[in-house]
C-alpha atoms as a PDB file:
ATOM      1  CA  MET A   1     136.037 149.038 145.043  1.00  0.00           C
ATOM      2  CA  ILE A   2     134.333 145.798 146.093  1.00  0.00           C
ATOM      3  CA  ARG A   3     130.984 147.638 146.194  1.00  0.00           C
ATOM      4  CA  TRP A   4     131.356 148.894 142.609  1.00  0.00           C
ATOM      5  CA  LEU A   5     132.414 145.425 141.414  1.00  0.00           C
ATOM      6  CA  PHE A   6     129.288 143.865 142.968  1.00  0.00           C
ATOM      7  CA  VAL A   7     127.050 146.440 141.232  1.00  0.00           C
ATOM      8  CA  ALA A   8     128.726 145.830 137.873  1.00  0.00           C
ATOM      9  CA  VAL A   9     128.254 142.080 138.138  1.00  0.00           C
ATOM     10  CA  ALA A  10     124.595 142.469 139.120  1.00  0.00           C
ATOM     11  CA  VAL A  11     123.939 144.764 136.146  1.00  0.00           C
ATOM     12  CA  ALA A  12     125.690 142.359 133.788  1.00  0.00           C
ATOM     13  CA  VAL A  13     123.622 139.411 135.021  1.00  0.00           C
ATOM     14  CA  ALA A  14     120.406 141.397 134.721  1.00  0.00           C
ATOM     15  CA  GLY A  15     121.376 142.405 131.206  1.00  0.00           C
ATOM     16  CA  CYS A  16     121.976 138.765 130.245  1.00  0.00           C
ATOM     17  CA  ASP A  17     118.533 137.812 131.567  1.00  0.00           C
ATOM     18  CA  ARG A  18     116.906 140.452 129.319  1.00  0.00           C
ATOM     19  CA  SER A  19     118.872 139.826 126.148  1.00  0.00           C
ATOM     20  CA  SER A  20     119.494 136.018 126.262  1.00  0.00           C
ATOM     21  CA  PRO A  21     116.264 134.080 126.938  1.00  0.00           C
ATOM     22  CA  LEU A  22     116.587 130.356 127.520  1.00  0.00           C
ATOM     23  CA  ALA A  23     116.400 128.171 124.408  1.00  0.00           C
ATOM     24  CA  PRO A  24     113.094 126.240 124.165  1.00  0.00           C
ATOM     25  CA  ALA A  25     113.125 122.665 125.449  1.00  0.00           C
ATOM     26  CA  PRO A  26     113.235 120.072 122.678  1.00  0.00           C
ATOM     27  CA  THR A  27     109.802 118.847 121.633  1.00  0.00           C
ATOM     28  CA  LEU A  28     108.852 115.214 121.078  1.00  0.00           C
ATOM     29  CA  GLY A  29     108.874 115.596 117.306  1.00  0.00           C
ATOM     30  CA  MET A  30     112.246 117.391 117.260  1.00  0.00           C
ATOM     31  CA  THR A  31     113.848 114.622 119.292  1.00  0.00           C
ATOM     32  CA  LEU A  32     112.358 111.516 117.702  1.00  0.00           C
ATOM     33  CA  ALA A  33     112.663 112.736 114.119  1.00  0.00           C
ATOM     34  CA  VAL A  34     116.421 112.255 114.415  1.00  0.00           C
ATOM     35  CA  GLN A  35     116.169 109.090 116.502  1.00  0.00           C
ATOM     36  CA  GLY A  36     113.665 107.088 114.462  1.00  0.00           C
ATOM     37  CA  GLY A  37     114.846 103.636 113.403  1.00  0.00           C
ATOM     38  CA  VAL A  38     115.133 100.004 114.411  1.00  0.00           C
ATOM     39  CA  TRP A  39     117.395  98.643 117.147  1.00  0.00           C
ATOM     40  CA  ARG A  40     117.921  95.109 118.373  1.00  0.00           C
ATOM     41  CA  GLY A  41     119.747  93.867 121.418  1.00  0.00           C
ATOM     42  CA  THR A  42     119.487  92.006 124.708  1.00  0.00           C
ATOM     43  CA  LEU A  43     117.989  92.781 128.109  1.00  0.00           C
ATOM     44  CA  GLU A  44     119.589  91.740 131.388  1.00  0.00           C
ATOM     45  CA  THR A  45     117.264  91.024 134.325  1.00  0.00           C
ATOM     46  CA  VAL A  46     117.901  93.139 137.435  1.00  0.00           C
ATOM     47  CA  SER A  47     114.974  91.877 139.530  1.00  0.00           C
ATOM     48  CA  CYS A  48     111.789  89.878 138.981  1.00  0.00           C
ATOM     49  CA  SER A  49     108.828  88.671 141.024  1.00  0.00           C
ATOM     50  CA  GLY A  50     105.992  86.333 140.098  1.00  0.00           C
ATOM     51  CA  SER A  51     105.413  82.786 138.916  1.00  0.00           C
ATOM     52  CA  LEU A  52     106.441  83.528 135.304  1.00  0.00           C
ATOM     53  CA  CYS A  53     109.876  84.925 136.170  1.00  0.00           C
ATOM     54  CA  ASP A  54     112.865  83.916 134.088  1.00  0.00           C
ATOM     55  CA  SER A  55     116.297  85.430 134.698  1.00  0.00           C
ATOM     56  CA  ARG A  56     117.773  84.491 131.326  1.00  0.00           C
ATOM     57  CA  PRO A  57     118.795  87.356 128.967  1.00  0.00           C
ATOM     58  CA  GLU A  58     115.943  88.409 126.679  1.00  0.00           C
ATOM     59  CA  PRO A  59     116.479  89.453 123.043  1.00  0.00           C
ATOM     60  CA  PHE A  60     114.423  92.485 121.986  1.00  0.00           C
ATOM     61  CA  VAL A  61     113.685  94.692 118.977  1.00  0.00           C
ATOM     62  CA  LEU A  62     112.652  98.355 119.250  1.00  0.00           C
ATOM     63  CA  ARG A  63     111.151 100.395 116.418  1.00  0.00           C
ATOM     64  CA  LEU A  64     110.609 104.159 116.690  1.00  0.00           C
ATOM     65  CA  ASN A  65     109.217 106.735 114.298  1.00  0.00           C
ATOM     66  CA  GLY A  66     109.288 110.532 114.334  1.00  0.00           C
ATOM     67  CA  ALA A  67     105.776 110.947 115.735  1.00  0.00           C
ATOM     68  CA  GLY A  68     106.383 109.606 119.222  1.00  0.00           C
ATOM     69  CA  GLU A  69     105.233 106.071 118.433  1.00  0.00           C
ATOM     70  CA  GLY A  70     107.023 102.769 118.651  1.00  0.00           C
ATOM     71  CA  VAL A  71     106.734  99.034 119.126  1.00  0.00           C
ATOM     72  CA  LEU A  72     108.873  96.926 121.443  1.00  0.00           C
ATOM     73  CA  GLN A  73     109.207  93.161 120.908  1.00  0.00           C
ATOM     74  CA  ILE A  74     110.602  91.069 123.767  1.00  0.00           C
ATOM     75  CA  ASP A  75     111.500  87.405 123.438  1.00  0.00           C
ATOM     76  CA  THR A  76     110.450  86.454 126.975  1.00  0.00           C
ATOM     77  CA  GLY A  77     110.799  82.681 126.562  1.00  0.00           C
ATOM     78  CA  LEU A  78     107.395  82.514 128.236  1.00  0.00           C
ATOM     79  CA  PHE A  79     106.912  78.912 127.152  1.00  0.00           C
ATOM     80  CA  SER A  80     108.459  76.514 124.672  1.00  0.00           C
ATOM     81  CA  SER A  81     108.375  78.018 121.146  1.00  0.00           C
ATOM     82  CA  ALA A  82     106.729  81.212 122.444  1.00  0.00           C
ATOM     83  CA  PRO A  83     107.106  84.119 119.974  1.00  0.00           C
ATOM     84  CA  PRO A  84     108.143  87.626 121.076  1.00  0.00           C
ATOM     85  CA  VAL A  85     105.540  89.759 122.852  1.00  0.00           C
ATOM     86  CA  ALA A  86     104.855  93.046 121.027  1.00  0.00           C
ATOM     87  CA  VAL A  87     104.048  96.206 123.035  1.00  0.00           C
ATOM     88  CA  ASN A  88     102.772  99.386 121.360  1.00  0.00           C
ATOM     89  CA  LEU A  89     104.524 102.471 122.776  1.00  0.00           C
ATOM     90  CA  THR A  90     104.158 106.237 122.929  1.00  0.00           C
ATOM     91  CA  GLY A  91     106.987 108.488 124.056  1.00  0.00           C
ATOM     92  CA  ILE A  92     107.704 111.575 126.145  1.00  0.00           C
ATOM     93  CA  ALA A  93     111.077 113.186 125.404  1.00  0.00           C
ATOM     94  CA  SER A  94     113.105 115.461 127.658  1.00  0.00           C
ATOM     95  CA  THR A  95     116.603 116.903 127.404  1.00  0.00           C
ATOM     96  CA  SER A  96     118.168 113.802 129.003  1.00  0.00           C
ATOM     97  CA  THR A  97     115.828 110.810 128.590  1.00  0.00           C
ATOM     98  CA  LEU A  98     113.219 109.339 126.322  1.00  0.00           C
ATOM     99  CA  GLN A  99     110.402 107.636 128.211  1.00  0.00           C
ATOM    100  CA  LEU A 100     108.178 105.217 126.315  1.00  0.00           C
ATOM    101  CA  MET A 101     105.116 103.547 127.781  1.00  0.00           C
ATOM    102  CA  GLY A 102     102.502 101.205 126.393  1.00  0.00           C
ATOM    103  CA  ALA A 103     100.748  97.862 126.350  1.00  0.00           C
ATOM    104  CA  THR A 104      99.903  94.925 124.132  1.00  0.00           C
ATOM    105  CA  ALA A 105      96.833  95.005 121.920  1.00  0.00           C
ATOM    106  CA  PRO A 106      93.494  94.787 123.792  1.00  0.00           C
ATOM    107  CA  GLN A 107      92.394  91.257 124.740  1.00  0.00           C
ATOM    108  CA  SER A 108      95.855  89.947 123.977  1.00  0.00           C
ATOM    109  CA  SER A 109      97.120  86.890 125.823  1.00  0.00           C
ATOM    110  CA  PRO A 110      99.746  87.121 127.133  1.00  0.00           C
ATOM    111  CA  ALA A 111      99.209  90.740 128.180  1.00  0.00           C
ATOM    112  CA  MET A 112     102.086  93.108 128.891  1.00  0.00           C
ATOM    113  CA  THR A 113     102.500  96.704 130.008  1.00  0.00           C
ATOM    114  CA  ALA A 114     105.943  98.269 129.684  1.00  0.00           C
ATOM    115  CA  ARG A 115     107.857 101.410 130.661  1.00  0.00           C
ATOM    116  CA  LEU A 116     111.103 101.966 128.772  1.00  0.00           C
ATOM    117  CA  GLU A 117     113.465 104.799 129.761  1.00  0.00           C
ATOM    118  CA  LEU A 118     116.310 105.465 127.341  1.00  0.00           C
ATOM    119  CA  THR A 119     119.331 107.551 128.288  1.00  0.00           C
ATOM    120  CA  GLU A 120     121.041 107.159 124.915  1.00  0.00           C
ATOM    121  CA  VAL A 121     119.383 106.831 121.511  1.00  0.00           C
ATOM    122  CA  SER A 122     121.929 106.886 118.707  1.00  0.00           C
ATOM    123  CA  GLU A 123     123.692 104.052 116.933  1.00  0.00           C
ATOM    124  CA  VAL A 124     123.366 102.244 120.255  1.00  0.00           C
ATOM    125  CA  LEU A 125     120.738 102.227 123.005  1.00  0.00           C
ATOM    126  CA  ALA A 126     121.200 102.591 126.755  1.00  0.00           C
ATOM    127  CA  GLY A 127     118.511 102.547 129.392  1.00  0.00           C
ATOM    128  CA  THR A 128     116.202 100.508 131.599  1.00  0.00           C
ATOM    129  CA  LEU A 129     112.893  98.681 131.249  1.00  0.00           C
ATOM    130  CA  HIS A 130     110.113  97.659 133.598  1.00  0.00           C
ATOM    131  CA  TYR A 131     107.345  95.361 132.430  1.00  0.00           C
ATOM    132  CA  ASP A 132     104.416  93.468 133.907  1.00  0.00           C
ATOM    133  CA  LEU A 133     103.475  90.278 132.071  1.00  0.00           C
ATOM    134  CA  THR A 134     100.375  88.155 132.683  1.00  0.00           C
ATOM    135  CA  ARG A 135      99.266  84.887 131.121  1.00  0.00           C
ATOM    136  CA  GLY A 136      96.288  83.194 132.677  1.00  0.00           C
ATOM    137  CA  SER A 137      96.885  83.325 136.436  1.00  0.00           C
ATOM    138  CA  GLY A 138     100.668  83.736 136.017  1.00  0.00           C
ATOM    139  CA  LEU A 139     102.539  87.015 136.492  1.00  0.00           C
ATOM    140  CA  ALA A 140     106.038  88.400 136.019  1.00  0.00           C
ATOM    141  CA  SER A 141     106.960  91.886 137.210  1.00  0.00           C
ATOM    142  CA  LYS A 142     110.456  92.550 135.915  1.00  0.00           C
ATOM    143  CA  ASP A 143     113.086  95.283 135.980  1.00  0.00           C
ATOM    144  CA  ALA A 144     115.857  95.010 133.394  1.00  0.00           C
ATOM    145  CA  ARG A 145     118.603  97.034 131.802  1.00  0.00           C
ATOM    146  CA  ILE A 146     119.740  97.112 128.195  1.00  0.00           C
ATOM    147  CA  LEU A 147     122.827  94.926 128.155  1.00  0.00           C
ATOM    148  CA  PHE A 148     123.654  95.937 124.583  1.00  0.00           C
ATOM    149  CA  ALA A 149     121.736  97.132 121.522  1.00  0.00           C
ATOM    150  CA  SER A 150     122.585  98.634 118.143  1.00  0.00           C
ATOM    151  CA  ARG A 151     120.787  99.711 115.010  1.00  0.00           C
ATOM    152  CA  ASP A 152     119.394  96.904 112.867  1.00  0.00           C
ATOM    153  CA  VAL A 153     120.609  96.961 109.275  1.00  0.00           C
ATOM    154  CA  THR A 154     118.629  93.972 107.986  1.00  0.00           C
ATOM    155  CA  ALA A 155     117.680  94.517 104.334  1.00  0.00           C
ATOM    156  CA  TYR A 156     114.495  92.983 102.924  1.00  0.00           C
ATOM    157  CA  GLY A 157     113.898  92.408  99.240  1.00  0.00           C
ATOM    158  CA  ALA A 158     110.174  93.196  99.451  1.00  0.00           C
ATOM    159  CA  ARG A 159     107.622  94.602 101.879  1.00  0.00           C
ATOM    160  CA  PHE A 160     106.404  91.268 103.256  1.00  0.00           C
ATOM    161  CA  GLN A 161     109.666  89.367 102.977  1.00  0.00           C
ATOM    162  CA  GLY A 162     110.858  87.791 106.197  1.00  0.00           C
ATOM    163  CA  GLN A 163     109.718  86.307 109.467  1.00  0.00           C
ATOM    164  CA  TRP A 164     106.599  87.559 111.274  1.00  0.00           C
ATOM    165  CA  LEU A 165     105.997  86.459 114.859  1.00  0.00           C
ATOM    166  CA  GLY A 166     103.551  87.235 117.623  1.00  0.00           C
ATOM    167  CA  PHE A 167     100.208  86.410 119.141  1.00  0.00           C
ATOM    168  CA  ALA A 168      96.703  86.477 117.702  1.00  0.00           C
ATOM    169  CA  THR A 169      93.344  86.594 119.457  1.00  0.00           C
ATOM    170  CA  ARG A 170      90.946  83.822 118.489  1.00  0.00           C
ATOM    171  CA  THR A 171      87.634  85.651 118.240  1.00  0.00           C
ATOM    172  CA  GLU A 172      85.366  82.830 116.999  1.00  0.00           C
ATOM    173  CA  CYS A 173      85.485  79.033 117.084  1.00  0.00           C
ATOM    174  CA  SER A 174      82.546  76.713 116.518  1.00  0.00           C
ATOM    175  CA  GLY A 175      83.300  73.113 117.433  1.00  0.00           C
ATOM    176  CA  CYS A 176      86.051  74.025 119.911  1.00  0.00           C
ATOM    177  CA  VAL A 177      83.877  73.162 122.933  1.00  0.00           C
ATOM    178  CA  LEU A 178      83.810  69.474 122.076  1.00  0.00           C
ATOM    179  CA  PHE A 179      87.206  69.308 120.363  1.00  0.00           C
ATOM    180  CA  ALA A 180      89.729  71.638 121.956  1.00  0.00           C
ATOM    181  CA  PHE A 181      92.577  70.768 119.582  1.00  0.00           C
ATOM    182  CA  ASP A 182      93.020  73.663 117.154  1.00  0.00           C
ATOM    183  CA  PRO A 183      96.169  73.346 114.982  1.00  0.00           C
ATOM    184  CA  VAL A 184      95.790  76.865 113.522  1.00  0.00           C
ATOM    185  CA  LEU A 185      95.292  79.152 116.551  1.00  0.00           C
ATOM    186  CA  GLY A 186      95.081  76.737 119.441  1.00  0.00           C
ATOM    187  CA  ASN A 187      98.619  76.855 120.868  1.00  0.00           C
ATOM    188  CA  GLY A 188      98.126  79.993 122.948  1.00  0.00           C
ATOM    189  CA  SER A 189      97.105  81.692 119.668  1.00  0.00           C
ATOM    190  CA  THR A 190     100.750  81.988 118.681  1.00  0.00           C
ATOM    191  CA  VAL A 191     101.621  83.050 115.130  1.00  0.00           C
ATOM    192  CA  ALA A 192     104.753  82.136 113.167  1.00  0.00           C
ATOM    193  CA  MET A 193     104.700  83.234 109.544  1.00  0.00           C
ATOM    194  CA  LEU A 194     107.488  83.023 106.971  1.00  0.00           C
ATOM    195  CA  MET A 195     106.999  85.015 103.775  1.00  0.00           C
ATOM    196  CA  SER A 196     108.685  85.238 100.400  1.00  0.00           C
ATOM    197  CA  GLN A 197     107.630  87.963  97.955  1.00  0.00           C
ATOM    198  CA  VAL A 198     108.490  88.364  94.268  1.00  0.00           C
ATOM    199  CA  GLY A 199     106.636  91.287  92.749  1.00  0.00           C
ATOM    200  CA  PRO A 200     103.023  91.005  93.919  1.00  0.00           C
ATOM    201  CA  ALA A 201     103.241  87.232  94.441  1.00  0.00           C
ATOM    202  CA  ILE A 202     103.725  85.975  97.996  1.00  0.00           C
ATOM    203  CA  ASN A 203     104.363  82.464  99.256  1.00  0.00           C
ATOM    204  CA  GLY A 204     105.127  81.099 102.676  1.00  0.00           C
ATOM    205  CA  THR A 205     103.727  79.348 105.705  1.00  0.00           C
ATOM    206  CA  PHE A 206     101.296  80.338 108.423  1.00  0.00           C
ATOM    207  CA  ASN A 207     101.736  78.159 111.519  1.00  0.00           C
ATOM    208  CA  GLY A 208     103.048  75.399 109.294  1.00  0.00           C
ATOM    209  CA  VAL A 209     100.315  75.645 106.637  1.00  0.00           C
ATOM    210  CA  ALA A 210     101.553  76.576 103.139  1.00  0.00           C
ATOM    211  CA  ILE A 211      99.978  79.817 101.890  1.00  0.00           C
ATOM    212  CA  SER A 212     100.103  81.849  98.691  1.00  0.00           C
ATOM    213  CA  GLY A 213      98.511  85.092  97.611  1.00  0.00           C
ATOM    214  CA  THR A 214      98.878  88.599  96.247  1.00  0.00           C
ATOM    215  CA  ALA A 215     100.350  91.717  97.823  1.00  0.00           C
ATOM    216  CA  THR A 216      99.959  95.419  97.139  1.00  0.00           C
ATOM    217  CA  ALA A 217     102.148  98.155  98.597  1.00  0.00           C
ATOM    218  CA  SER A 218     101.039  97.625 102.211  1.00  0.00           C
ATOM    219  CA  SER A 219      98.501  94.783 102.298  1.00  0.00           C
ATOM    220  CA  PHE A 220      97.991  91.231 101.089  1.00  0.00           C
ATOM    221  CA  THR A 221      95.460  88.431 100.810  1.00  0.00           C
ATOM    222  CA  ALA A 222      96.417  84.763 100.953  1.00  0.00           C
ATOM    223  CA  ALA A 223      94.924  81.309 101.198  1.00  0.00           C
ATOM    224  CA  GLY A 224      96.292  77.973 102.371  1.00  0.00           C
ATOM    225  CA  ARG A 225      95.347  74.321 102.376  1.00  0.00           C
ATOM    226  CA  TYR A 226      96.688  71.196 104.052  1.00  0.00           C
ATOM    227  CA  GLU A 227      95.161  67.786 103.348  1.00  0.00           C
ATOM    228  CA  ILE A 228      96.075  64.140 103.759  1.00  0.00           C
ATOM    229  CA  PRO A 229      94.430  61.268 101.838  1.00  0.00           C
ATOM    230  CA  PRO A 230      91.253  59.817 103.425  1.00  0.00           C
ATOM    231  CA  SER A 231      93.002  56.467 103.863  1.00  0.00           C
ATOM    232  CA  GLN A 232      95.487  58.145 106.227  1.00  0.00           C
ATOM    233  CA  CYS A 233      92.839  59.991 108.227  1.00  0.00           C
ATOM    234  CA  GLN A 234      93.149  57.711 111.252  1.00  0.00           C
ATOM    235  CA  ARG A 235      93.981  58.455 114.868  1.00  0.00           C
ATOM    236  CA  GLY A 236      97.543  58.083 116.033  1.00  0.00           C
ATOM    237  CA  PHE A 237      98.789  55.808 118.770  1.00  0.00           C
ATOM    238  CA  ASP A 238      97.473  58.062 121.530  1.00  0.00           C
ATOM    239  CA  SER A 239      96.245  61.190 119.755  1.00  0.00           C
ATOM    240  CA  GLY A 240      93.966  62.467 117.046  1.00  0.00           C
ATOM    241  CA  THR A 241      94.939  63.450 113.507  1.00  0.00           C
ATOM    242  CA  THR A 242      94.338  66.638 111.533  1.00  0.00           C
ATOM    243  CA  CYS A 243      93.172  65.654 108.050  1.00  0.00           C
ATOM    244  CA  LEU A 244      92.226  69.002 106.485  1.00  0.00           C
ATOM    245  CA  ILE A 245      93.043  72.673 107.085  1.00  0.00           C
ATOM    246  CA  GLU A 246      91.690  75.454 104.874  1.00  0.00           C
ATOM    247  CA  LEU A 247      92.415  79.084 105.702  1.00  0.00           C
ATOM    248  CA  ASP A 248      92.026  82.557 104.245  1.00  0.00           C
ATOM    249  CA  MET A 249      93.718  85.663 105.529  1.00  0.00           C
ATOM    250  CA  SER A 250      94.033  89.346 104.764  1.00  0.00           C
ATOM    251  CA  ALA A 251      96.298  91.832 106.481  1.00  0.00           C
ATOM    252  CA  SER A 252      98.000  95.203 106.167  1.00  0.00           C
ATOM    253  CA  VAL A 253     101.252  96.511 107.615  1.00  0.00           C
ATOM    254  CA  ASP A 254     102.205  99.945 108.946  1.00  0.00           C
ATOM    255  CA  ALA A 255     105.508 101.811 108.983  1.00  0.00           C
ATOM    256  CA  LEU A 256     106.503 100.119 112.275  1.00  0.00           C
ATOM    257  CA  ASP A 257     106.126  96.628 110.734  1.00  0.00           C
ATOM    258  CA  ARG A 258     102.987  95.851 112.724  1.00  0.00           C
ATOM    259  CA  LEU A 259     100.710  93.421 110.920  1.00  0.00           C
ATOM    260  CA  ARG A 260      96.964  93.785 111.408  1.00  0.00           C
ATOM    261  CA  GLY A 261      94.307  91.601 109.854  1.00  0.00           C
ATOM    262  CA  THR A 262      92.193  88.488 110.196  1.00  0.00           C
ATOM    263  CA  VAL A 263      92.443  84.780 109.470  1.00  0.00           C
ATOM    264  CA  THR A 264      89.458  82.456 109.014  1.00  0.00           C
ATOM    265  CA  TYR A 265      89.858  78.707 108.835  1.00  0.00           C
ATOM    266  CA  ARG A 266      88.269  75.268 108.913  1.00  0.00           C
ATOM    267  CA  VAL A 267      89.816  72.143 110.426  1.00  0.00           C
ATOM    268  CA  GLU A 268      88.671  68.552 109.986  1.00  0.00           C
ATOM    269  CA  GLY A 269      90.099  65.377 111.453  1.00  0.00           C
ATOM    270  CA  VAL A 270      89.599  62.556 113.938  1.00  0.00           C
ATOM    271  CA  ASP A 271      90.108  62.671 117.694  1.00  0.00           C
ATOM    272  CA  ALA A 272      91.970  60.192 119.905  1.00  0.00           C
ATOM    273  CA  ALA A 273      88.933  57.876 119.835  1.00  0.00           C
ATOM    274  CA  ASN A 274      88.887  57.992 116.015  1.00  0.00           C
ATOM    275  CA  ARG A 275      85.690  60.069 115.980  1.00  0.00           C
ATOM    276  CA  PRO A 276      85.478  62.686 113.191  1.00  0.00           C
ATOM    277  CA  PHE A 277      85.417  66.352 114.150  1.00  0.00           C
ATOM    278  CA  ALA A 278      85.236  69.725 112.419  1.00  0.00           C
ATOM    279  CA  LEU A 279      85.758  73.259 113.687  1.00  0.00           C
ATOM    280  CA  ASN A 280      85.531  76.713 112.154  1.00  0.00           C
ATOM    281  CA  GLY A 281      87.540  79.562 113.600  1.00  0.00           C
ATOM    282  CA  LYS A 282      88.496  83.196 113.164  1.00  0.00           C
ATOM    283  CA  GLY A 283      91.347  85.211 114.629  1.00  0.00           C
ATOM    284  CA  ASP A 284      92.565  88.803 114.935  1.00  0.00           C
ATOM    285  CA  LEU A 285      96.241  89.301 113.999  1.00  0.00           C
ATOM    286  CA  ALA A 286      96.731  92.543 115.970  1.00  0.00           C
ATOM    287  CA  GLY A 287      99.851  91.337 117.840  1.00  0.00           C
ATOM    288  CA  VAL A 288     102.105  90.185 114.957  1.00  0.00           C
ATOM    289  CA  VAL A 289     105.296  92.113 114.034  1.00  0.00           C
ATOM    290  CA  ARG A 290     108.260  91.372 111.768  1.00  0.00           C
ATOM    291  CA  TRP A 291     111.142  89.875 113.763  1.00  0.00           C
ATOM    292  CA  PRO A 292     114.650  90.257 112.287  1.00  0.00           C
ATOM    293  CA  PHE A 293     116.254  87.441 114.260  1.00  0.00           C
ATOM    294  CA  LEU A 294     116.419  84.127 112.457  1.00  0.00           C
ATOM    295  CA  PHE A 295     116.123  80.988 114.557  1.00  0.00           C
END
């Protein structure tokens, strides 16, 4: 009786193998198409090594689309008034995790590489992150976990409405050898831009300089000017004075809220010895992304 039962079970198993093939593993597109969106939350440091380490919780924003692409912004608190660092990601999905890896734009400073492994991607996120951050000779190699994160429901009235933060790469600067002070892209090439848009008209500030211009569906051009009267163009107590800033910029935005473009500018003023100076610069805006947190 036991012998016949063993044969019956073996035949049944063999029959199942022939008639019930395994379902195909989910593909990247199948997984991310459902999981695309924007999440924001906070990272908790598990371990860190290097001179740039900071154990404080780090706010972050993650954007994903249905093509296996994303961008991760991390507010590292790298230095006073430092904007979030934006890392471009690509993903590999499996049945249990979503692994995303990437790096900042080429020639970006600071530079970051990141590996994000998500175990839950729904209305909330769960998972871990490892990143390596360098700025000059400083380094931070950090492991963190997602303390909490949920979908972002921020609504914007227009495409360029809001706060745009990140880092730019200064690609040209004549006059910077003699006069290192650059009020446009000199502070670690940080970018802080606030934008208001009504129809095609845009107004705002770029690193404190008032700008205005015209937007289309996914791009804009703008110009800005700051000037003080010649009678006030005098050095301060122990520093120089910026007397004129003129800038022009053009940029476009993609579906992941990444801003790409250029800014050209001229700065005039006097240095700490009351000597006049002028510099002309140009920067690449490849590391600027909309940031939903308001400071």
